Amino acid sequence: MAEPSTVARPYAEAAFNLADEAGALPRWSEMLAALAAVAADARVRLAAADPRLSDAQRAGVFIGILGGRLTGEAENLLRVLARNDRLELLAEIREQFEVLKNEREGVVEASVHSAFELTGAQLKDIVARLEQKTGRKVRPHVSVDRELIGGVKIVLGDKVIDGSARAQLAALEAALKA
């Protein structure tokens, strides 16, 4: 069986192309986020998997819950997903859509893991340095990870910048053993 990311890709690309042509990337981003949140609910997953419901009824569950927050095109996407038994892919479709949207807008997502809570000035400095390094706008997602002991670890796409005390101690240990 194909990977969910492979199966979701054409749907994400179709949604992205539709949104891009209409100049509605932010609107589609919001709609896909709402759809993914609804799809994550256990009760909705049960309803979407119920073999007694028709495709239209399964899509209708989502449309009914989001009551007027979806465009006609987004409702059509839901109907296609229901017809093809792909409603469970909504979270993956959203993720892939966001990647395409970020590429179009010149934005890169950065996961910033810090041993301690960062101040606004510290985060602003980190973002400025990352933007200078990448040449792109950086959207940070900050989390606190006490196991780092000190410093920060930044994941930027497939690159990791580990300036944590834990990483420095591990490097020191490896150097001493060599």
N, C-alpha and C. Protein backbone atom coordinates (compact mmCIF):
# COMPACT_ATOMS: atom_id res chain seq x y z
N MET A 1 0.84 -1.19 0.00
CA MET A 1 0.00 0.00 0.00
C MET A 1 0.88 1.25 0.00
N ALA A 2 0.44 2.26 -0.69
CA ALA A 2 1.22 3.50 -0.81
C ALA A 2 1.23 4.26 0.52
N GLU A 3 2.29 5.03 0.71
CA GLU A 3 2.42 5.87 1.90
C GLU A 3 1.33 6.95 1.88
N PRO A 4 0.80 7.33 3.05
CA PRO A 4 -0.20 8.40 3.09
C PRO A 4 0.28 9.70 2.43
N SER A 5 1.56 10.02 2.59
CA SER A 5 2.07 11.26 1.99
C SER A 5 2.01 11.20 0.47
N THR A 6 2.25 10.03 -0.09
CA THR A 6 2.19 9.86 -1.55
C THR A 6 0.76 9.99 -2.05
N VAL A 7 -0.17 9.39 -1.34
CA VAL A 7 -1.57 9.43 -1.73
C VAL A 7 -2.15 10.83 -1.54
N ALA A 8 -1.71 11.54 -0.51
CA ALA A 8 -2.24 12.87 -0.21
C ALA A 8 -1.70 13.94 -1.15
N ARG A 9 -0.52 13.71 -1.72
CA ARG A 9 0.14 14.74 -2.53
C ARG A 9 -0.73 15.32 -3.66
N PRO A 10 -1.38 14.49 -4.49
CA PRO A 10 -2.18 15.09 -5.57
C PRO A 10 -3.32 15.97 -5.06
N TYR A 11 -3.92 15.57 -3.94
CA TYR A 11 -5.01 16.37 -3.37
C TYR A 11 -4.47 17.71 -2.85
N ALA A 12 -3.34 17.66 -2.18
CA ALA A 12 -2.72 18.89 -1.66
C ALA A 12 -2.33 19.81 -2.80
N GLU A 13 -1.75 19.25 -3.84
CA GLU A 13 -1.34 20.06 -5.00
C GLU A 13 -2.55 20.66 -5.70
N ALA A 14 -3.62 19.89 -5.83
CA ALA A 14 -4.83 20.41 -6.46
C ALA A 14 -5.43 21.56 -5.65
N ALA A 15 -5.49 21.37 -4.32
CA ALA A 15 -6.01 22.42 -3.45
C ALA A 15 -5.11 23.66 -3.52
N PHE A 16 -3.80 23.44 -3.53
CA PHE A 16 -2.87 24.56 -3.61
C PHE A 16 -3.04 25.32 -4.92
N ASN A 17 -3.10 24.60 -6.03
CA ASN A 17 -3.25 25.26 -7.34
C ASN A 17 -4.54 26.05 -7.42
N LEU A 18 -5.61 25.48 -6.90
CA LEU A 18 -6.90 26.17 -6.89
C LEU A 18 -6.82 27.44 -6.04
N ALA A 19 -6.24 27.31 -4.86
CA ALA A 19 -6.12 28.45 -3.95
C ALA A 19 -5.19 29.51 -4.51
N ASP A 20 -4.09 29.09 -5.11
CA ASP A 20 -3.11 30.02 -5.66
C ASP A 20 -3.71 30.82 -6.81
N GLU A 21 -4.42 30.14 -7.70
CA GLU A 21 -5.05 30.83 -8.84
C GLU A 21 -6.08 31.85 -8.38
N ALA A 22 -6.76 31.54 -7.29
CA ALA A 22 -7.79 32.44 -6.77
C ALA A 22 -7.23 33.49 -5.82
N GLY A 23 -5.92 33.41 -5.52
CA GLY A 23 -5.32 34.34 -4.56
C GLY A 23 -5.87 34.13 -3.16
N ALA A 24 -6.18 32.87 -2.83
CA ALA A 24 -6.83 32.57 -1.56
C ALA A 24 -6.03 31.59 -0.71
N LEU A 25 -4.72 31.69 -0.75
CA LEU A 25 -3.89 30.77 0.03
C LEU A 25 -4.19 30.84 1.54
N PRO A 26 -4.29 32.04 2.13
CA PRO A 26 -4.59 32.08 3.57
C PRO A 26 -5.95 31.47 3.91
N ARG A 27 -6.93 31.73 3.07
CA ARG A 27 -8.29 31.19 3.31
C ARG A 27 -8.27 29.67 3.27
N TRP A 28 -7.60 29.11 2.26
CA TRP A 28 -7.51 27.65 2.14
C TRP A 28 -6.71 27.06 3.31
N SER A 29 -5.70 27.76 3.74
CA SER A 29 -4.92 27.29 4.88
C SER A 29 -5.81 27.16 6.10
N GLU A 30 -6.65 28.15 6.33
CA GLU A 30 -7.58 28.12 7.46
C GLU A 30 -8.59 26.98 7.32
N MET A 31 -9.14 26.83 6.11
CA MET A 31 -10.13 25.77 5.90
C MET A 31 -9.53 24.39 6.10
N LEU A 32 -8.34 24.17 5.55
CA LEU A 32 -7.69 22.86 5.70
C LEU A 32 -7.32 22.60 7.15
N ALA A 33 -6.93 23.64 7.89
CA ALA A 33 -6.63 23.47 9.32
C ALA A 33 -7.90 23.06 10.06
N ALA A 34 -9.02 23.69 9.75
CA ALA A 34 -10.29 23.35 10.40
C ALA A 34 -10.70 21.92 10.03
N LEU A 35 -10.55 21.55 8.77
CA LEU A 35 -10.90 20.20 8.33
C LEU A 35 -10.03 19.15 9.03
N ALA A 36 -8.74 19.43 9.13
CA ALA A 36 -7.83 18.49 9.80
C ALA A 36 -8.19 18.34 11.28
N ALA A 37 -8.58 19.44 11.91
CA ALA A 37 -8.97 19.39 13.32
C ALA A 37 -10.24 18.55 13.49
N VAL A 38 -11.20 18.73 12.60
CA VAL A 38 -12.43 17.95 12.67
C VAL A 38 -12.12 16.47 12.42
N ALA A 39 -11.26 16.19 11.44
CA ALA A 39 -10.91 14.81 11.11
C ALA A 39 -10.18 14.11 12.25
N ALA A 40 -9.54 14.87 13.13
CA ALA A 40 -8.80 14.29 14.25
C ALA A 40 -9.73 13.84 15.38
N ASP A 41 -10.96 14.30 15.39
CA ASP A 41 -11.91 13.94 16.43
C ASP A 41 -12.32 12.48 16.29
N ALA A 42 -12.26 11.73 17.37
CA ALA A 42 -12.56 10.30 17.34
C ALA A 42 -13.98 10.02 16.87
N ARG A 43 -14.94 10.84 17.26
CA ARG A 43 -16.34 10.63 16.85
C ARG A 43 -16.51 10.81 15.35
N VAL A 44 -15.79 11.80 14.81
CA VAL A 44 -15.87 12.05 13.37
C VAL A 44 -15.21 10.91 12.61
N ARG A 45 -14.09 10.42 13.12
CA ARG A 45 -13.41 9.28 12.47
C ARG A 45 -14.33 8.06 12.42
N LEU A 46 -15.07 7.83 13.50
CA LEU A 46 -16.01 6.71 13.52
C LEU A 46 -17.11 6.90 12.47
N ALA A 47 -17.64 8.12 12.40
CA ALA A 47 -18.70 8.39 11.42
C ALA A 47 -18.17 8.26 10.00
N ALA A 48 -16.96 8.76 9.76
CA ALA A 48 -16.38 8.72 8.41
C ALA A 48 -16.08 7.28 7.98
N ALA A 49 -15.90 6.39 8.95
CA ALA A 49 -15.59 4.99 8.63
C ALA A 49 -16.85 4.11 8.62
N ASP A 50 -18.00 4.68 8.94
CA ASP A 50 -19.24 3.91 9.02
C ASP A 50 -19.68 3.47 7.62
N PRO A 51 -19.71 2.16 7.36
CA PRO A 51 -20.07 1.69 6.02
C PRO A 51 -21.54 1.91 5.67
N ARG A 52 -22.36 2.21 6.66
CA ARG A 52 -23.78 2.46 6.39
C ARG A 52 -24.02 3.84 5.79
N LEU A 53 -23.05 4.73 5.94
CA LEU A 53 -23.21 6.09 5.40
C LEU A 53 -22.74 6.15 3.95
N SER A 54 -23.45 6.92 3.17
CA SER A 54 -23.03 7.14 1.77
C SER A 54 -21.87 8.12 1.76
N ASP A 55 -21.23 8.23 0.61
CA ASP A 55 -20.12 9.18 0.46
C ASP A 55 -20.60 10.60 0.77
N ALA A 56 -21.77 10.94 0.26
CA ALA A 56 -22.32 12.29 0.48
C ALA A 56 -22.58 12.53 1.96
N GLN A 57 -23.05 11.52 2.67
CA GLN A 57 -23.31 11.67 4.10
C GLN A 57 -22.01 11.83 4.88
N ARG A 58 -20.98 11.07 4.49
CA ARG A 58 -19.69 11.18 5.18
C ARG A 58 -19.10 12.57 4.97
N ALA A 59 -19.17 13.09 3.75
CA ALA A 59 -18.70 14.46 3.50
C ALA A 59 -19.59 15.45 4.24
N GLY A 60 -20.87 15.15 4.31
CA GLY A 60 -21.82 16.02 5.00
C GLY A 60 -21.54 16.17 6.48
N VAL A 61 -20.94 15.15 7.09
CA VAL A 61 -20.56 15.25 8.50
C VAL A 61 -19.61 16.43 8.68
N PHE A 62 -18.60 16.52 7.83
CA PHE A 62 -17.62 17.61 7.92
C PHE A 62 -18.27 18.95 7.58
N ILE A 63 -19.05 18.96 6.52
CA ILE A 63 -19.69 20.20 6.08
C ILE A 63 -20.63 20.71 7.16
N GLY A 64 -21.37 19.80 7.79
CA GLY A 64 -22.29 20.19 8.86
C GLY A 64 -21.58 20.75 10.07
N ILE A 65 -20.49 20.12 10.45
CA ILE A 65 -19.74 20.58 11.63
C ILE A 65 -19.16 21.97 11.39
N LEU A 66 -18.64 22.20 10.19
CA LEU A 66 -17.99 23.48 9.93
C LEU A 66 -18.96 24.55 9.46
N GLY A 67 -20.21 24.23 9.34
CA GLY A 67 -21.31 25.14 9.09
C GLY A 67 -21.00 26.47 8.43
N GLY A 68 -20.82 26.49 7.14
CA GLY A 68 -20.63 27.74 6.41
C GLY A 68 -19.22 28.28 6.39
N ARG A 69 -18.28 27.60 7.01
CA ARG A 69 -16.89 28.09 7.03
C ARG A 69 -16.10 27.60 5.83
N LEU A 70 -16.72 26.76 4.99
CA LEU A 70 -16.04 26.22 3.82
C LEU A 70 -16.59 26.84 2.54
N THR A 71 -15.72 27.00 1.57
CA THR A 71 -16.16 27.46 0.25
C THR A 71 -16.74 26.26 -0.50
N GLY A 72 -17.38 26.54 -1.61
CA GLY A 72 -17.91 25.47 -2.44
C GLY A 72 -16.82 24.53 -2.94
N GLU A 73 -15.66 25.11 -3.25
CA GLU A 73 -14.54 24.28 -3.72
C GLU A 73 -14.04 23.35 -2.62
N ALA A 74 -13.98 23.84 -1.39
CA ALA A 74 -13.55 23.00 -0.27
C ALA A 74 -14.57 21.89 -0.01
N GLU A 75 -15.84 22.20 -0.14
CA GLU A 75 -16.87 21.17 0.00
C GLU A 75 -16.72 20.12 -1.10
N ASN A 76 -16.41 20.56 -2.32
CA ASN A 76 -16.19 19.62 -3.42
C ASN A 76 -14.98 18.72 -3.13
N LEU A 77 -13.92 19.29 -2.56
CA LEU A 77 -12.76 18.49 -2.19
C LEU A 77 -13.18 17.40 -1.19
N LEU A 78 -13.99 17.77 -0.22
CA LEU A 78 -14.48 16.78 0.76
C LEU A 78 -15.26 15.67 0.08
N ARG A 79 -16.09 16.03 -0.88
CA ARG A 79 -16.88 15.01 -1.58
C ARG A 79 -15.98 14.05 -2.35
N VAL A 80 -14.96 14.60 -2.99
CA VAL A 80 -14.02 13.75 -3.74
C VAL A 80 -13.26 12.84 -2.77
N LEU A 81 -12.82 13.39 -1.65
CA LEU A 81 -12.11 12.58 -0.65
C LEU A 81 -13.01 11.47 -0.11
N ALA A 82 -14.27 11.79 0.14
CA ALA A 82 -15.21 10.77 0.65
C ALA A 82 -15.44 9.69 -0.41
N ARG A 83 -15.63 10.10 -1.64
CA ARG A 83 -15.87 9.14 -2.72
C ARG A 83 -14.69 8.19 -2.91
N ASN A 84 -13.47 8.70 -2.68
CA ASN A 84 -12.26 7.89 -2.85
C ASN A 84 -11.75 7.29 -1.54
N ASP A 85 -12.56 7.35 -0.48
CA ASP A 85 -12.18 6.84 0.84
C ASP A 85 -10.85 7.42 1.31
N ARG A 86 -10.72 8.75 1.25
CA ARG A 86 -9.47 9.42 1.61
C ARG A 86 -9.66 10.50 2.69
N LEU A 87 -10.77 10.50 3.38
CA LEU A 87 -11.01 11.52 4.40
C LEU A 87 -9.96 11.47 5.51
N GLU A 88 -9.39 10.29 5.76
CA GLU A 88 -8.37 10.17 6.81
C GLU A 88 -7.08 10.88 6.45
N LEU A 89 -6.96 11.34 5.20
CA LEU A 89 -5.74 12.01 4.76
C LEU A 89 -5.77 13.53 4.97
N LEU A 90 -6.82 14.05 5.55
CA LEU A 90 -6.95 15.51 5.66
C LEU A 90 -5.77 16.16 6.39
N ALA A 91 -5.26 15.56 7.45
CA ALA A 91 -4.12 16.15 8.16
C ALA A 91 -2.89 16.18 7.27
N GLU A 92 -2.64 15.10 6.54
CA GLU A 92 -1.49 15.04 5.64
C GLU A 92 -1.64 16.02 4.47
N ILE A 93 -2.86 16.14 3.96
CA ILE A 93 -3.13 17.10 2.88
C ILE A 93 -2.84 18.51 3.38
N ARG A 94 -3.27 18.81 4.58
CA ARG A 94 -3.02 20.13 5.15
C ARG A 94 -1.52 20.39 5.28
N GLU A 95 -0.77 19.41 5.80
CA GLU A 95 0.67 19.59 5.96
C GLU A 95 1.36 19.86 4.62
N GLN A 96 1.00 19.08 3.62
CA GLN A 96 1.63 19.26 2.31
C GLN A 96 1.21 20.58 1.67
N PHE A 97 -0.03 20.99 1.88
CA PHE A 97 -0.49 22.29 1.40
C PHE A 97 0.35 23.41 2.03
N GLU A 98 0.58 23.30 3.34
CA GLU A 98 1.36 24.33 4.04
C GLU A 98 2.79 24.41 3.52
N VAL A 99 3.38 23.28 3.19
CA VAL A 99 4.73 23.27 2.63
C VAL A 99 4.74 24.02 1.30
N LEU A 100 3.76 23.73 0.44
CA LEU A 100 3.67 24.41 -0.86
C LEU A 100 3.42 25.91 -0.67
N LYS A 101 2.55 26.24 0.27
CA LYS A 101 2.23 27.65 0.56
C LYS A 101 3.48 28.39 1.05
N ASN A 102 4.22 27.75 1.96
CA ASN A 102 5.43 28.37 2.49
C ASN A 102 6.48 28.58 1.39
N GLU A 103 6.61 27.61 0.50
CA GLU A 103 7.54 27.77 -0.62
C GLU A 103 7.14 28.96 -1.48
N ARG A 104 5.87 29.07 -1.77
CA ARG A 104 5.37 30.19 -2.60
C ARG A 104 5.64 31.53 -1.92
N GLU A 105 5.46 31.57 -0.61
CA GLU A 105 5.59 32.83 0.13
C GLU A 105 7.01 33.09 0.61
N GLY A 106 7.93 32.16 0.34
CA GLY A 106 9.32 32.35 0.78
C GLY A 106 9.49 32.24 2.28
N VAL A 107 8.71 31.36 2.89
CA VAL A 107 8.73 31.19 4.33
C VAL A 107 9.28 29.81 4.65
N VAL A 108 10.06 29.72 5.71
CA VAL A 108 10.55 28.44 6.20
C VAL A 108 10.13 28.30 7.66
N GLU A 109 9.67 27.10 8.01
CA GLU A 109 9.26 26.81 9.38
C GLU A 109 10.49 26.40 10.18
N ALA A 110 10.60 26.90 11.39
CA ALA A 110 11.72 26.55 12.26
C ALA A 110 11.20 26.10 13.61
N SER A 111 11.63 24.92 14.03
CA SER A 111 11.30 24.45 15.38
C SER A 111 12.46 24.86 16.29
N VAL A 112 12.15 25.69 17.26
CA VAL A 112 13.17 26.18 18.19
C VAL A 112 12.91 25.53 19.54
N HIS A 113 13.83 24.66 19.94
CA HIS A 113 13.73 23.99 21.23
C HIS A 113 14.74 24.65 22.17
N SER A 114 14.24 25.15 23.28
CA SER A 114 15.09 25.85 24.22
C SER A 114 15.01 25.19 25.59
N ALA A 115 16.10 25.23 26.30
CA ALA A 115 16.12 24.67 27.64
C ALA A 115 15.27 25.49 28.60
N PHE A 116 15.12 26.77 28.30
CA PHE A 116 14.35 27.68 29.14
C PHE A 116 13.44 28.54 28.26
N GLU A 117 12.47 29.15 28.87
CA GLU A 117 11.56 30.05 28.17
C GLU A 117 12.36 31.19 27.55
N LEU A 118 12.14 31.47 26.27
CA LEU A 118 12.86 32.55 25.59
C LEU A 118 12.11 33.87 25.77
N THR A 119 12.86 34.94 25.91
CA THR A 119 12.24 36.27 25.95
C THR A 119 11.93 36.68 24.52
N GLY A 120 11.11 37.68 24.38
CA GLY A 120 10.79 38.19 23.05
C GLY A 120 12.02 38.65 22.29
N ALA A 121 12.94 39.31 23.00
CA ALA A 121 14.17 39.80 22.36
C ALA A 121 15.05 38.63 21.90
N GLN A 122 15.14 37.58 22.71
CA GLN A 122 15.95 36.42 22.33
C GLN A 122 15.39 35.74 21.08
N LEU A 123 14.08 35.56 21.06
CA LEU A 123 13.45 34.92 19.92
C LEU A 123 13.60 35.79 18.67
N LYS A 124 13.44 37.08 18.83
CA LYS A 124 13.60 38.01 17.71
C LYS A 124 15.02 37.92 17.15
N ASP A 125 16.01 37.83 18.02
CA ASP A 125 17.41 37.71 17.60
C ASP A 125 17.64 36.39 16.84
N ILE A 126 17.10 35.31 17.35
CA ILE A 126 17.25 34.01 16.69
C ILE A 126 16.61 34.05 15.30
N VAL A 127 15.40 34.59 15.22
CA VAL A 127 14.70 34.67 13.94
C VAL A 127 15.47 35.54 12.95
N ALA A 128 15.99 36.67 13.41
CA ALA A 128 16.75 37.56 12.53
C ALA A 128 17.99 36.85 11.99
N ARG A 129 18.69 36.13 12.84
CA ARG A 129 19.88 35.40 12.38
C ARG A 129 19.53 34.30 11.39
N LEU A 130 18.43 33.59 11.65
CA LEU A 130 18.01 32.54 10.74
C LEU A 130 17.57 33.11 9.40
N GLU A 131 16.87 34.23 9.43
CA GLU A 131 16.45 34.87 8.18
C GLU A 131 17.65 35.34 7.38
N GLN A 132 18.66 35.86 8.06
CA GLN A 132 19.88 36.29 7.38
C GLN A 132 20.60 35.08 6.77
N LYS A 133 20.63 33.99 7.50
CA LYS A 133 21.32 32.78 7.04
C LYS A 133 20.59 32.13 5.86
N THR A 134 19.25 32.06 5.92
CA THR A 134 18.47 31.36 4.89
C THR A 134 18.04 32.26 3.74
N GLY A 135 17.97 33.56 3.98
CA GLY A 135 17.46 34.46 2.95
C GLY A 135 15.95 34.36 2.79
N ARG A 136 15.30 33.75 3.75
CA ARG A 136 13.85 33.58 3.71
C ARG A 136 13.24 34.05 5.02
N LYS A 137 11.94 34.30 4.99
CA LYS A 137 11.23 34.66 6.21
C LYS A 137 11.09 33.40 7.05
N VAL A 138 11.34 33.50 8.35
CA VAL A 138 11.30 32.35 9.25
C VAL A 138 10.07 32.45 10.15
N ARG A 139 9.32 31.37 10.22
CA ARG A 139 8.18 31.26 11.12
C ARG A 139 8.58 30.29 12.23
N PRO A 140 8.86 30.81 13.44
CA PRO A 140 9.33 29.93 14.52
C PRO A 140 8.19 29.24 15.28
N HIS A 141 8.47 28.03 15.72
CA HIS A 141 7.59 27.29 16.61
C HIS A 141 8.47 26.93 17.82
N VAL A 142 8.20 27.58 18.93
CA VAL A 142 9.07 27.46 20.10
C VAL A 142 8.51 26.45 21.10
N SER A 143 9.41 25.64 21.64
CA SER A 143 9.03 24.72 22.73
C SER A 143 10.17 24.68 23.73
N VAL A 144 9.81 24.35 24.97
CA VAL A 144 10.81 24.24 26.03
C VAL A 144 11.13 22.76 26.23
N ASP A 145 12.42 22.45 26.23
CA ASP A 145 12.91 21.08 26.42
C ASP A 145 14.00 21.12 27.49
N ARG A 146 13.63 20.85 28.72
CA ARG A 146 14.56 20.94 29.86
C ARG A 146 15.75 19.98 29.72
N GLU A 147 15.61 18.92 28.92
CA GLU A 147 16.70 17.96 28.76
C GLU A 147 17.89 18.54 28.00
N LEU A 148 17.71 19.69 27.37
CA LEU A 148 18.83 20.32 26.65
C LEU A 148 19.85 20.92 27.61
N ILE A 149 19.48 21.08 28.86
CA ILE A 149 20.30 21.63 29.94
C ILE A 149 20.48 23.14 29.78
N GLY A 150 20.89 23.58 28.62
CA GLY A 150 21.06 25.00 28.32
C GLY A 150 21.14 25.19 26.83
N GLY A 151 20.97 26.41 26.36
CA GLY A 151 21.08 26.71 24.94
C GLY A 151 19.83 26.36 24.15
N VAL A 152 19.98 26.31 22.81
CA VAL A 152 18.85 26.01 21.93
C VAL A 152 19.25 24.99 20.87
N LYS A 153 18.23 24.32 20.38
CA LYS A 153 18.37 23.40 19.25
C LYS A 153 17.32 23.85 18.24
N ILE A 154 17.77 24.07 17.01
CA ILE A 154 16.87 24.57 15.97
C ILE A 154 16.80 23.56 14.84
N VAL A 155 15.58 23.21 14.46
CA VAL A 155 15.35 22.32 13.32
C VAL A 155 14.73 23.18 12.23
N LEU A 156 15.45 23.28 11.12
CA LEU A 156 15.06 24.13 10.00
C LEU A 156 15.00 23.25 8.76
N GLY A 157 13.80 22.73 8.47
CA GLY A 157 13.69 21.79 7.37
C GLY A 157 14.42 20.51 7.73
N ASP A 158 15.42 20.15 6.91
CA ASP A 158 16.19 18.94 7.20
C ASP A 158 17.53 19.26 7.86
N LYS A 159 17.71 20.51 8.27
CA LYS A 159 18.94 20.92 8.94
C LYS A 159 18.69 21.08 10.43
N VAL A 160 19.69 20.69 11.22
CA VAL A 160 19.61 20.83 12.67
C VAL A 160 20.80 21.66 13.13
N ILE A 161 20.52 22.71 13.88
CA ILE A 161 21.56 23.54 14.49
C ILE A 161 21.43 23.31 15.98
N ASP A 162 22.39 22.57 16.54
CA ASP A 162 22.29 22.19 17.94
C ASP A 162 23.32 22.94 18.77
N GLY A 163 22.87 24.00 19.41
CA GLY A 163 23.74 24.80 20.27
C GLY A 163 23.41 24.56 21.73
N SER A 164 22.90 23.37 22.03
CA SER A 164 22.51 23.07 23.41
C SER A 164 23.72 22.60 24.22
N ALA A 165 23.62 22.79 25.51
CA ALA A 165 24.69 22.32 26.41
C ALA A 165 24.79 20.80 26.34
N ARG A 166 23.67 20.14 26.16
CA ARG A 166 23.68 18.68 26.06
C ARG A 166 24.52 18.23 24.86
N ALA A 167 24.37 18.89 23.70
CA ALA A 167 25.14 18.54 22.51
C ALA A 167 26.62 18.84 22.71
N GLN A 168 26.92 19.95 23.37
CA GLN A 168 28.31 20.31 23.63
C GLN A 168 28.96 19.30 24.57
N LEU A 169 28.21 18.86 25.57
CA LEU A 169 28.74 17.84 26.47
C LEU A 169 28.96 16.51 25.74
N ALA A 170 28.08 16.16 24.85
CA ALA A 170 28.23 14.92 24.08
C ALA A 170 29.46 15.01 23.18
N ALA A 171 29.69 16.18 22.59
CA ALA A 171 30.87 16.36 21.73
C ALA A 171 32.14 16.28 22.57
N LEU A 172 32.11 16.87 23.75
CA LEU A 172 33.27 16.82 24.65
C LEU A 172 33.54 15.37 25.06
N GLU A 173 32.50 14.62 25.39
CA GLU A 173 32.64 13.22 25.77
C GLU A 173 33.28 12.42 24.63
N ALA A 174 32.81 12.64 23.40
CA ALA A 174 33.34 11.92 22.23
C ALA A 174 34.81 12.28 22.02
N ALA A 175 35.15 13.56 22.21
CA ALA A 175 36.56 13.98 22.03
C ALA A 175 37.46 13.35 23.09
N LEU A 176 36.97 13.24 24.32
CA LEU A 176 37.76 12.65 25.39
C LEU A 176 37.98 11.15 25.19
N LYS A 177 36.99 10.49 24.59
CA LYS A 177 37.08 9.05 24.34
C LYS A 177 37.99 8.75 23.15
N ALA A 178 38.18 9.69 22.28
CA ALA A 178 38.97 9.45 21.06
C ALA A 178 40.45 9.45 21.31
